[in-house]
Protein backbone atom coordinates (compact mmCIF):
# COMPACT_ATOMS: atom_id res chain seq x y z
CA MET A 1 -0.19 0.06 0.10
CA GLU A 2 1.12 3.52 -0.64
CA ALA A 3 0.96 6.51 1.53
CA ARG A 4 -2.24 8.08 -0.11
CA ASP A 5 -3.70 4.62 0.33
CA PHE A 6 -2.90 4.89 4.14
CA LEU A 7 -3.88 9.02 3.98
CA ALA A 8 -7.51 7.90 2.44
CA LEU A 9 -7.92 5.16 5.58
CA THR A 10 -7.36 7.65 8.31
CA PRO A 11 -10.42 8.49 9.47
CA MET A 12 -11.53 4.83 9.59
CA LEU A 13 -8.54 3.73 11.23
CA ILE A 14 -9.13 6.39 14.00
CA VAL A 15 -12.91 4.85 14.41
CA THR A 16 -11.37 1.61 14.74
CA GLY A 17 -8.59 2.12 17.02
CA THR A 18 -11.25 4.11 19.20
CA ALA A 19 -13.80 1.03 19.09
CA LEU A 20 -11.33 -1.44 19.90
CA PHE A 21 -9.56 1.21 22.88
CA VAL A 22 -12.76 1.53 24.13
CA LEU A 23 -13.46 -2.17 24.37
CA MET A 24 -10.42 -3.16 25.72
CA LEU A 25 -10.62 0.06 28.63
CA ASP A 26 -13.81 -1.25 29.82
CA LEU A 27 -11.68 -4.45 30.93
CA PHE A 28 -10.39 -1.76 33.49
CA LEU A 29 -13.21 0.57 34.47
CA ARG A 30 -15.49 0.38 37.97
CA GLU A 31 -19.06 0.54 36.89
CA GLU A 32 -18.99 4.19 38.20
CA ARG A 33 -16.45 5.43 35.54
CA ARG A 34 -18.19 3.76 32.50
CA GLY A 35 -19.25 7.20 31.93
CA TRP A 36 -15.91 7.94 30.48
CA LEU A 37 -16.41 5.48 27.59
CA ALA A 38 -18.90 7.94 25.75
CA GLY A 39 -16.13 10.76 25.95
CA LEU A 40 -13.65 8.94 24.71
CA SER A 41 -15.81 7.35 21.81
CA LEU A 42 -16.77 10.96 20.99
CA LEU A 43 -13.47 11.93 21.09
CA GLY A 44 -12.28 9.37 18.32
CA VAL A 45 -15.62 10.54 16.29
CA VAL A 46 -14.26 14.14 16.41
CA ALA A 47 -10.31 13.00 15.42
CA ALA A 48 -11.82 11.17 12.61
CA PHE A 49 -14.05 13.90 11.51
CA LEU A 50 -11.28 16.83 11.44
CA ALA A 51 -8.78 13.73 9.87
CA ASN A 52 -11.40 13.76 6.97
CA LEU A 53 -11.94 17.11 6.91
CA TYR A 54 -8.46 18.12 6.15
CA LEU A 55 -7.11 15.08 4.14
CA PRO A 56 -6.50 15.90 0.34
CA THR A 57 -9.13 14.27 -2.04
CA PHE A 58 -7.84 11.77 -4.71
CA GLY A 59 -9.46 11.18 -7.96
CA GLU A 60 -8.67 7.83 -9.06
CA PRO A 61 -9.78 4.84 -6.67
CA LEU A 62 -7.42 3.61 -3.69
CA VAL A 63 -6.63 0.71 -2.28
CA GLN A 64 -6.00 -1.51 -5.08
CA GLY A 65 -8.88 -0.02 -6.53
CA MET A 66 -11.39 -0.85 -3.92
CA ILE A 67 -12.19 2.38 -2.65
CA ARG A 68 -12.53 6.20 -3.72
CA PHE A 69 -11.55 9.06 -1.31
CA ASP A 70 -12.99 11.89 -3.45
CA ALA A 71 -14.92 14.69 -2.27
CA LEU A 72 -18.06 12.71 -2.35
CA THR A 73 -16.58 10.15 0.04
CA GLN A 74 -15.44 13.59 2.14
CA PHE A 75 -19.01 14.55 2.20
CA LEU A 76 -20.49 11.09 3.17
CA ASN A 77 -18.04 10.41 5.68
CA ALA A 78 -18.95 13.95 7.51
CA VAL A 79 -22.40 13.07 7.55
CA PHE A 80 -21.89 9.03 8.92
CA LEU A 81 -19.23 10.82 11.83
CA LEU A 82 -21.85 13.66 12.77
CA GLY A 83 -24.70 11.07 13.20
CA CYS A 84 -22.39 9.00 15.21
CA GLY A 85 -21.39 11.65 17.33
CA LEU A 86 -24.87 12.96 18.24
CA ALA A 87 -25.96 9.07 18.91
CA VAL A 88 -23.00 8.77 21.12
CA MET A 89 -24.07 12.03 22.62
CA LEU A 90 -27.62 11.66 23.14
CA ALA A 91 -26.93 8.14 24.57
CA ALA A 92 -24.43 8.65 27.33
CA ASP A 93 -27.14 9.22 29.99
CA TYR A 94 -29.71 7.15 28.72
CA THR A 95 -27.43 3.83 28.73
CA ARG A 96 -26.47 4.33 32.14
CA ARG A 97 -30.19 4.84 33.03
CA GLN A 98 -30.93 1.57 31.52
CA GLY A 99 -27.69 -0.26 33.04
CA ILE A 100 -26.15 -1.10 28.97
CA ALA A 101 -23.51 1.61 29.59
CA ARG A 102 -20.75 -0.80 28.35
CA GLY A 103 -17.97 -0.92 26.24
CA GLU A 104 -19.37 -3.20 23.91
CA TYR A 105 -22.25 -0.66 23.39
CA TYR A 106 -19.90 1.93 22.09
CA CYS A 107 -17.76 -0.45 20.09
CA LEU A 108 -20.49 -1.80 17.81
CA VAL A 109 -21.54 1.88 17.08
CA LEU A 110 -18.03 3.08 16.23
CA LEU A 111 -18.16 -0.35 14.47
CA SER A 112 -21.30 0.20 12.52
CA THR A 113 -20.10 4.00 11.55
CA LEU A 114 -17.53 1.83 9.92
CA GLY A 115 -19.61 -0.21 7.63
CA ALA A 116 -21.28 2.97 6.40
CA MET A 117 -18.14 4.62 5.71
CA LEU A 118 -16.84 1.85 3.66
CA MET A 119 -20.13 1.75 1.73
CA GLY A 120 -19.64 5.46 0.92
CA ALA A 121 -16.52 5.02 -0.47
CA SER A 122 -16.92 1.87 -1.97
CA ALA A 123 -15.09 1.50 -5.59
CA ASP A 124 -16.05 -2.06 -5.78
CA LEU A 125 -19.00 -4.26 -5.54
CA LEU A 126 -17.13 -6.42 -2.95
CA MET A 127 -15.79 -3.80 -1.10
CA LEU A 128 -19.43 -2.61 -0.71
CA PHE A 129 -20.71 -5.67 0.62
CA LEU A 130 -18.29 -6.02 3.17
CA GLY A 131 -19.14 -2.19 4.03
CA LEU A 132 -22.72 -3.16 4.25
CA GLU A 133 -21.94 -6.51 6.64
CA THR A 134 -19.87 -4.43 8.78
CA LEU A 135 -22.69 -1.52 9.25
CA SER A 136 -25.65 -4.15 9.56
CA ILE A 137 -23.71 -7.20 12.09
CA PRO A 138 -23.15 -4.69 15.05
CA LEU A 139 -26.95 -3.03 14.22
CA TYR A 140 -27.98 -7.15 14.88
CA VAL A 141 -26.39 -6.79 18.11
CA LEU A 142 -27.02 -3.39 19.74
CA ALA A 143 -30.94 -4.14 18.68
CA THR A 144 -31.31 -6.72 21.28
CA PHE A 145 -28.92 -5.15 23.87
CA LEU A 146 -31.56 -4.95 26.19
CA ARG A 147 -31.17 -8.71 27.55
CA LYS A 148 -33.74 -9.01 29.87
CA ASN A 149 -36.07 -7.15 27.42
CA PRO A 150 -38.45 -9.68 25.38
CA ALA A 151 -39.45 -6.81 22.69
CA SER A 152 -35.87 -6.30 22.41
CA GLN A 153 -34.81 -10.15 21.79
CA GLU A 154 -37.91 -10.35 19.28
CA ALA A 155 -36.21 -6.86 17.66
CA GLY A 156 -32.81 -8.31 16.88
CA LEU A 157 -33.90 -11.92 16.09
CA LYS A 158 -36.46 -10.10 13.64
CA TYR A 159 -34.20 -7.87 12.16
CA PHE A 160 -30.87 -10.46 12.01
CA LEU A 161 -33.15 -12.81 10.23
CA LEU A 162 -34.78 -10.52 7.61
CA GLY A 163 -31.40 -8.44 7.39
CA ALA A 164 -29.48 -11.94 6.73
CA PHE A 165 -31.69 -12.54 3.67
CA SER A 166 -31.83 -9.97 2.31
CA SER A 167 -27.40 -9.52 2.30
CA ALA A 168 -27.93 -13.09 0.86
CA LEU A 169 -29.56 -11.54 -2.17
CA PHE A 170 -27.21 -8.64 -2.34
CA LEU A 171 -24.42 -11.02 -2.50
CA TYR A 172 -25.94 -13.04 -5.42
CA GLY A 173 -26.67 -9.83 -7.38
CA ILE A 174 -22.99 -9.17 -7.19
CA ALA A 175 -22.29 -12.54 -8.44
CA LEU A 176 -24.56 -11.97 -11.24
CA LEU A 177 -23.31 -8.97 -12.27
CA TYR A 178 -19.65 -10.49 -12.00
CA GLY A 179 -20.94 -13.39 -14.08
CA ALA A 180 -21.95 -10.63 -17.12
CA THR A 181 -19.25 -8.14 -16.73
CA GLY A 182 -16.32 -10.13 -15.61
CA THR A 183 -15.28 -7.76 -12.90
CA THR A 184 -16.54 -6.17 -9.50
CA LYS A 185 -14.96 -2.84 -9.87
CA LEU A 186 -17.77 -0.14 -10.46
CA ASP A 187 -15.84 1.35 -13.25
CA GLY A 188 -15.62 -1.90 -15.13
CA VAL A 189 -18.77 -2.84 -14.21
CA LEU A 190 -19.81 0.60 -16.00
CA GLN A 191 -17.73 -0.09 -18.49
CA GLY A 192 -18.65 -3.77 -19.68
CA LEU A 193 -22.71 -2.85 -19.33
CA SER A 194 -23.40 -2.31 -22.92
CA GLY A 195 -21.81 -5.23 -24.00
CA ALA A 196 -23.00 -7.53 -21.21
CA MET A 197 -26.54 -6.36 -22.12
CA GLY A 198 -26.20 -7.85 -25.53
CA ALA A 199 -24.80 -11.17 -24.36
CA ALA A 200 -26.55 -11.84 -21.17
CA PRO A 201 -29.02 -9.11 -20.41
CA GLY A 202 -30.67 -11.39 -17.69
CA LEU A 203 -27.59 -11.49 -15.72
CA VAL A 204 -27.83 -7.84 -15.44
CA LEU A 205 -30.83 -6.70 -14.58
CA GLY A 206 -30.98 -9.73 -12.41
CA GLY A 207 -28.19 -8.42 -10.58
CA LEU A 208 -29.43 -5.12 -10.87
CA GLY A 209 -32.37 -5.93 -9.21
CA LEU A 210 -31.24 -8.02 -6.28
CA LEU A 211 -28.61 -4.96 -5.17
CA LEU A 212 -31.80 -2.76 -5.36
CA VAL A 213 -33.79 -5.25 -2.74
CA GLY A 214 -30.94 -5.77 -0.83
CA LEU A 215 -30.19 -1.58 -0.33
CA ALA A 216 -34.04 -1.08 0.06
CA PHE A 217 -34.44 -3.24 2.89
CA LYS A 218 -31.70 -1.29 4.53
CA ALA A 219 -33.37 1.92 3.32
CA ALA A 220 -36.80 0.67 4.78
CA ALA A 221 -38.12 1.22 1.60
CA VAL A 222 -41.97 -0.51 0.64
CA PRO A 223 -42.45 -3.42 0.09
CA PHE A 224 -39.08 -4.36 2.36
CA HIS A 225 -40.19 -2.17 5.39
CA SER A 226 -41.98 -4.42 7.57
CA TRP A 227 -39.23 -5.18 9.99
CA ALA A 228 -38.91 -1.38 10.69
CA PRO A 229 -41.52 -0.38 13.02
CA ASP A 230 -41.14 -3.43 15.22
CA VAL A 231 -37.55 -2.90 15.29
CA TYR A 232 -37.49 0.50 16.24
CA GLU A 233 -39.80 0.04 18.71
CA GLY A 234 -38.44 -3.39 20.38
CA ALA A 235 -34.63 -1.83 20.31
CA PRO A 236 -33.38 0.25 23.12
CA THR A 237 -34.45 3.75 22.23
CA SER A 238 -30.66 4.83 21.39
CA VAL A 239 -29.80 2.24 19.36
CA THR A 240 -33.46 3.28 17.71
CA ALA A 241 -32.08 6.73 16.77
CA PHE A 242 -28.56 5.42 15.72
CA MET A 243 -30.14 2.85 13.26
CA ALA A 244 -32.77 5.37 11.80
CA VAL A 245 -29.65 7.44 10.21
CA ALA A 246 -26.93 5.25 9.92
CA ALA A 247 -28.47 2.16 7.91
CA LYS A 248 -30.26 4.85 5.74
CA ALA A 249 -27.35 7.06 5.28
CA GLY A 250 -25.32 4.01 4.41
CA ALA A 251 -27.68 2.73 2.02
CA PHE A 252 -28.25 6.01 -0.06
CA ALA A 253 -24.18 6.23 -0.12
CA ALA A 254 -24.40 2.79 -1.94
CA PHE A 255 -27.47 4.01 -4.28
CA LEU A 256 -25.16 7.06 -5.26
CA ARG A 257 -22.32 4.70 -5.97
CA VAL A 258 -24.23 1.85 -7.58
CA LEU A 259 -27.30 2.99 -9.01
CA ALA A 260 -27.12 6.61 -9.72
CA ILE A 261 -22.92 6.90 -10.73
CA SER A 262 -21.81 3.29 -12.20
CA THR A 263 -25.23 2.62 -14.13
CA PRO A 264 -26.20 4.94 -15.84
CA ALA A 265 -26.68 3.03 -19.30
CA LEU A 266 -29.58 1.47 -17.98
CA ALA A 267 -30.62 4.47 -16.13
CA GLU A 268 -33.98 4.98 -17.24
CA GLY A 269 -35.12 1.18 -16.87
CA TRP A 270 -34.34 1.13 -13.15
CA ALA A 271 -35.15 5.01 -12.76
CA LEU A 272 -39.13 4.11 -13.55
CA VAL A 273 -38.54 0.56 -10.81
CA VAL A 274 -37.02 3.35 -8.08
CA GLY A 275 -40.13 5.68 -8.90
CA TRP A 276 -42.54 3.33 -8.29
CA LEU A 277 -40.73 2.45 -4.74
CA ALA A 278 -40.65 5.99 -4.03
CA ILE A 279 -44.41 6.36 -4.75
CA ALA A 280 -45.11 3.18 -2.49
CA THR A 281 -42.32 4.11 0.09
CA MET A 282 -44.32 7.79 0.33
CA ALA A 283 -47.31 7.07 0.69
CA LEU A 284 -47.91 3.96 3.34
CA GLY A 285 -45.27 5.57 5.61
CA ASN A 286 -47.14 8.61 5.89
CA VAL A 287 -50.43 7.15 5.88
CA VAL A 288 -50.00 4.67 8.64
CA ALA A 289 -47.97 7.22 10.54
CA VAL A 290 -51.41 9.19 10.73
CA VAL A 291 -52.70 6.31 13.23
CA GLN A 292 -49.94 5.97 15.56
CA LEU A 293 -49.88 6.85 18.98
CA ASN A 294 -46.50 5.43 20.18
CA LEU A 295 -43.78 8.08 19.56
CA LYS A 296 -41.06 5.47 18.23
CA ARG A 297 -43.58 3.94 15.56
CA LEU A 298 -44.56 7.55 14.56
CA LEU A 299 -41.11 8.12 14.18
CA ALA A 300 -40.26 4.60 12.61
CA TYR A 301 -42.99 5.64 9.77
CA SER A 302 -41.64 8.80 9.46
CA SER A 303 -38.49 7.07 8.58
CA ILE A 304 -40.18 5.16 6.03
CA ALA A 305 -41.63 8.02 4.62
CA HIS A 306 -38.57 9.92 4.31
CA ALA A 307 -37.01 7.18 2.26
CA GLY A 308 -39.46 7.90 -0.21
CA TYR A 309 -38.36 11.42 -0.58
CA LEU A 310 -34.98 10.01 -0.87
CA LEU A 311 -35.65 7.91 -3.55
CA ILE A 312 -37.23 10.42 -5.81
CA ALA A 313 -33.77 11.91 -5.89
CA VAL A 314 -31.98 8.88 -7.35
CA ALA A 315 -35.11 8.16 -9.33
CA VAL A 316 -34.85 11.73 -11.49
CA GLY A 317 -31.02 11.17 -11.48
CA GLY A 318 -31.72 8.29 -13.83
CA THR A 319 -32.84 10.37 -16.33
CA GLY A 320 -29.29 10.80 -18.05
CA ALA A 321 -26.71 10.32 -15.32
CA LEU A 322 -26.95 11.18 -12.03
CA SER A 323 -28.06 15.01 -12.61
CA GLU A 324 -26.53 17.57 -10.56
CA PRO A 325 -29.45 19.18 -8.91
CA ALA A 326 -31.00 15.28 -8.11
CA SER A 327 -27.43 14.87 -6.81
CA ALA A 328 -26.87 17.93 -4.61
CA GLY A 329 -30.41 17.39 -3.24
CA LEU A 330 -30.33 13.92 -2.07
CA LEU A 331 -26.99 14.79 -0.46
CA PHE A 332 -28.42 17.75 1.44
CA TYR A 333 -31.40 15.68 2.42
CA LEU A 334 -29.03 13.09 3.93
CA LEU A 335 -27.54 15.79 6.03
CA VAL A 336 -30.48 17.42 7.02
CA TYR A 337 -32.14 13.97 7.89
CA THR A 338 -29.86 12.79 9.44
CA LEU A 339 -29.85 15.97 11.79
CA MET A 340 -33.58 16.30 12.28
CA THR A 341 -34.09 12.23 13.20
CA LEU A 342 -31.87 12.38 15.81
CA GLY A 343 -32.89 15.52 17.13
CA ALA A 344 -36.56 14.24 17.49
CA PHE A 345 -35.32 10.63 18.81
CA GLY A 346 -33.00 12.37 21.13
CA VAL A 347 -36.21 14.45 22.92
CA VAL A 348 -37.69 10.92 23.05
CA ILE A 349 -34.72 9.54 24.86
CA VAL A 350 -34.53 11.85 27.24
CA ALA A 351 -38.00 11.71 28.59
CA GLU A 352 -38.17 8.23 28.53
CA GLY A 353 -37.73 6.55 31.84
CA ARG A 354 -36.53 2.89 32.40
CA GLY A 355 -38.36 -0.09 30.46
CA GLU A 356 -41.30 2.22 28.92
CA ASN A 357 -42.10 3.62 25.37
CA LEU A 358 -43.77 7.19 25.13
CA SER A 359 -46.96 7.60 23.64
CA LEU A 360 -48.34 11.00 22.88
CA GLU A 361 -50.36 10.92 26.04
CA ASP A 362 -46.95 10.59 28.13
CA VAL A 363 -45.46 14.14 26.61
CA LYS A 364 -48.86 16.24 27.18
CA GLY A 365 -47.53 19.51 28.25
CA LEU A 366 -44.27 18.53 28.05
CA ALA A 367 -43.19 22.19 26.31
CA TRP A 368 -44.52 23.62 29.13
CA ARG A 369 -42.52 22.15 31.88
CA TYR A 370 -39.17 21.99 30.27
CA PRO A 371 -39.62 24.91 27.84
CA TRP A 372 -36.24 24.42 25.65
CA VAL A 373 -37.20 20.36 25.24
CA GLY A 374 -40.28 21.15 24.07
CA LEU A 375 -39.30 24.04 21.52
CA ALA A 376 -36.31 21.75 20.27
CA MET A 377 -39.21 18.79 19.71
CA ALA A 378 -41.67 21.19 17.95
CA LEU A 379 -38.54 22.43 15.66
CA PHE A 380 -37.62 18.93 14.81
CA MET A 381 -41.30 18.49 14.27
CA VAL A 382 -41.65 21.09 12.23
CA SER A 383 -38.78 20.45 9.99
CA LEU A 384 -39.81 16.64 9.30
CA ALA A 385 -42.63 17.91 8.07
CA GLY A 386 -41.02 20.32 5.59
CA LEU A 387 -41.98 23.72 6.98
CA PRO A 388 -40.24 26.98 6.71
CA PRO A 389 -37.96 28.15 8.17
CA THR A 390 -36.01 24.68 8.87
CA ALA A 391 -33.94 22.75 6.82
CA GLY A 392 -36.46 20.39 6.49
CA PHE A 393 -38.42 22.39 3.94
CA PHE A 394 -35.20 23.16 1.86
CA ALA A 395 -34.39 19.47 1.76
CA LYS A 396 -37.55 18.76 0.09
CA PHE A 397 -37.89 21.49 -1.90
CA TYR A 398 -34.53 20.72 -3.83
CA VAL A 399 -35.66 17.25 -4.03
CA PHE A 400 -38.92 18.26 -5.67
CA ARG A 401 -37.45 20.74 -8.12
CA ALA A 402 -35.03 18.49 -9.47
CA ALA A 403 -37.53 16.07 -10.07
CA VAL A 404 -39.65 18.70 -11.56
CA GLU A 405 -36.45 20.08 -13.83
CA ALA A 406 -36.07 16.05 -15.00
CA GLY A 407 -39.72 16.10 -17.55
CA SER A 408 -43.11 14.42 -17.10
CA TRP A 409 -42.06 10.95 -15.00
CA GLY A 410 -40.55 13.30 -12.44
CA VAL A 411 -43.22 15.82 -12.06
CA VAL A 412 -45.28 12.82 -11.04
CA LEU A 413 -42.93 11.70 -8.55
CA ALA A 414 -42.98 15.53 -6.99
CA ILE A 415 -46.75 15.66 -7.24
CA VAL A 416 -47.16 12.74 -5.13
CA GLY A 417 -44.22 13.99 -3.10
CA VAL A 418 -46.44 17.33 -2.30
CA VAL A 419 -49.25 15.12 -1.14
CA ALA A 420 -47.47 12.96 0.87
CA SER A 421 -45.64 16.06 2.59
CA VAL A 422 -49.02 17.69 3.61
CA VAL A 423 -50.36 14.46 5.16
CA SER A 424 -47.17 14.63 7.05
CA VAL A 425 -47.90 17.85 8.69
CA PHE A 426 -51.05 16.12 10.62
CA TYR A 427 -49.03 13.72 12.53
CA TYR A 428 -46.43 16.12 13.01
CA LEU A 429 -47.85 18.96 14.38
CA ARG A 430 -50.15 16.57 16.25
CA VAL A 431 -46.82 16.05 18.27
CA VAL A 432 -46.73 19.74 18.70
CA TYR A 433 -50.10 20.01 19.76
CA TYR A 434 -49.91 17.29 22.77
CA LEU A 435 -46.32 19.10 23.87
CA TYR A 436 -48.03 22.65 24.11
CA LEU A 437 -51.79 22.45 24.22
CA ARG A 438 -52.57 19.05 25.77
CA PRO A 439 -51.33 19.90 29.73
CA ALA A 440 -50.73 16.78 31.45
CA PRO A 441 -53.35 15.79 34.29
CA ALA A 442 -50.82 16.48 37.01
CA ALA A 443 -50.13 20.03 36.00
CA GLU A 444 -53.38 21.43 34.66
CA ALA A 445 -53.11 23.40 37.70
CA PRO A 446 -49.40 25.03 37.42
CA ALA A 447 -47.31 25.05 40.26
CA ALA A 448 -46.05 28.82 41.39
CA GLY A 449 -42.69 28.20 41.26
CA GLY A 450 -40.70 27.02 37.96
CA GLN A 451 -39.33 23.82 39.35
CA ALA A 452 -42.32 22.77 41.21
CA GLU A 453 -43.79 22.89 38.01
CA ALA A 454 -41.47 21.32 36.25
CA GLU A 455 -41.94 18.63 38.97
CA ALA A 456 -45.37 18.31 38.70
CA GLY A 457 -45.38 15.93 35.44
CA ARG A 458 -43.25 13.21 34.09
CA PRO A 459 -39.41 13.86 34.85
CA VAL A 460 -36.87 14.64 31.69
CA TYR A 461 -33.61 13.16 32.22
CA LEU A 462 -31.44 15.99 30.41
CA SER A 463 -27.70 15.64 31.17
CA ARG A 464 -25.24 17.82 30.14
CA LEU A 465 -24.48 16.03 26.82
CA ALA A 466 -27.58 15.24 25.79
CA ALA A 467 -28.66 18.98 26.19
CA TRP A 468 -25.42 19.70 23.93
CA GLY A 469 -26.57 17.01 21.54
CA LEU A 470 -30.00 18.55 21.25
CA GLY A 471 -28.73 22.14 21.07
CA ILE A 472 -26.17 21.20 17.85
CA ALA A 473 -29.02 19.02 16.07
CA ALA A 474 -31.22 22.22 16.68
CA VAL A 475 -28.88 24.64 15.65
CA LEU A 476 -27.90 22.84 12.76
CA VAL A 477 -31.54 22.24 11.24
CA LEU A 478 -32.38 25.73 11.88
CA PHE A 479 -29.06 27.21 10.17
CA LEU A 480 -29.64 25.17 7.26
CA GLY A 481 -33.05 26.42 6.81
CA VAL A 482 -32.06 29.79 6.60
CA TYR A 483 -28.82 30.02 5.08
CA PRO A 484 -29.15 26.89 2.72
CA THR A 485 -27.57 28.35 -0.62
CA ALA A 486 -24.22 27.87 0.18
CA ALA A 487 -24.51 24.35 1.30
CA LEU A 488 -26.24 23.51 -1.76
CA GLN A 489 -23.38 25.27 -4.03
CA TRP A 490 -21.16 23.46 -2.47
CA LEU A 491 -22.95 19.89 -2.72
CA THR A 492 -23.63 20.85 -6.46
CA GLU A 493 -19.82 20.85 -6.99
CA ILE A 494 -19.41 17.55 -5.01
CA ALA A 495 -21.86 16.00 -7.49
CA ALA A 496 -20.13 17.55 -10.26
CA ALA A 497 -16.78 16.35 -9.49
CA ALA A 498 -18.02 12.51 -8.22
CA MET A 499 -19.54 12.58 -11.83
CA GLY A 500 -16.54 13.66 -13.40
CA ALA A 501 -14.48 10.86 -11.82
CA VAL A 502 -16.90 8.20 -13.79
CA PRO A 503 -15.48 7.24 -17.36
């Protein structure tokens, strides 16, 4: 390996080293000092984030053609590491309350982040599969981390069985594409597609179809979504928060590398399929979320619906090569989705006691007793609904605008997306309604003092680290909503550079 190979791997090596160090250190720490593990994990994530930010990028594949470290990889790494850092901050106090503050927890979170980074950097289908498994296997274990909770055990088992099945289909798709093109390198697959379609169209179409199934499962797209609500509800809430962003971000990073960038020769065909997946995903996610009273299940169906919006960007990018507006919109949406979803789950984390799942009834009047927590939740709900002046509005706006510019099929997808967003406003603002306009029974007669009033309802476990995590997510959601143009211009340049690297 050359020096530049090690440079490109530096952020991943830092994450790996931190995971192993935290796991080993846990052996020598007493129970009361295990809070250090979250701080050390966060320190490693920050070091990897800074290394990723300041390292030079390279146009050609590295590590014997297995990975890329271009501007797209650099941005995706930043999103993954930001999500991991916020997830660690939000989980630190929660894991202590639940009795799962162990080194294995943070090690698995870091290793799953490593898998997402490998997926975003992949230049080879086999590396993409290794990244997918590195992302997934820690999540299977994390879902079962409440070992005495039957719902957690059921969630982990269901996720593992369905995830193993989808991974097998994904690997079989790689085998079919290798049989058709004679290579697993993404550049080589792209160059060999035209000839392979003439000689063995069944292998090419079957291979791409199976890859799509594997990635759609990770993205929780309909009809491969059935695992998400049950797993999200049964897993520890801090795991659910991380899982909701890590698995989806890794899946869409792979969509960018495989479908949108590496197979433009078949773009019109798979764009139609992805478009129908987007329509089904938006429709089911938003309609079923309307009737949910459990907050984790509501956010699970919300996550499914947002996968549909992201799939619009992938689909309309298939009208040619990945169009710059569609790709920039997808990248901006991934960043914003990570922030607002982690923030929303973060409020659920700090308001959740031991061994319970929050319902809408449990958060009645919460904003009056804990104004800053309620305001943060309201901001995240408004952003998830896609209302101004939040980043969620511009994330949807950029995706829908790219869809309209793509032609008639894109216009159809944009119209369905707008209608689905209108439906989503009901259940997102219903949460805000419960926060502000439905006082909890114990708080109907407000106490004279602020502290007494706070104690009148259910408690909120807002540690300093969790407060910083919620604050960072809220500020970024608001900042990107007020000043989105600079970020979009930067992401457009990243997309153009990524497309220019594809022969």
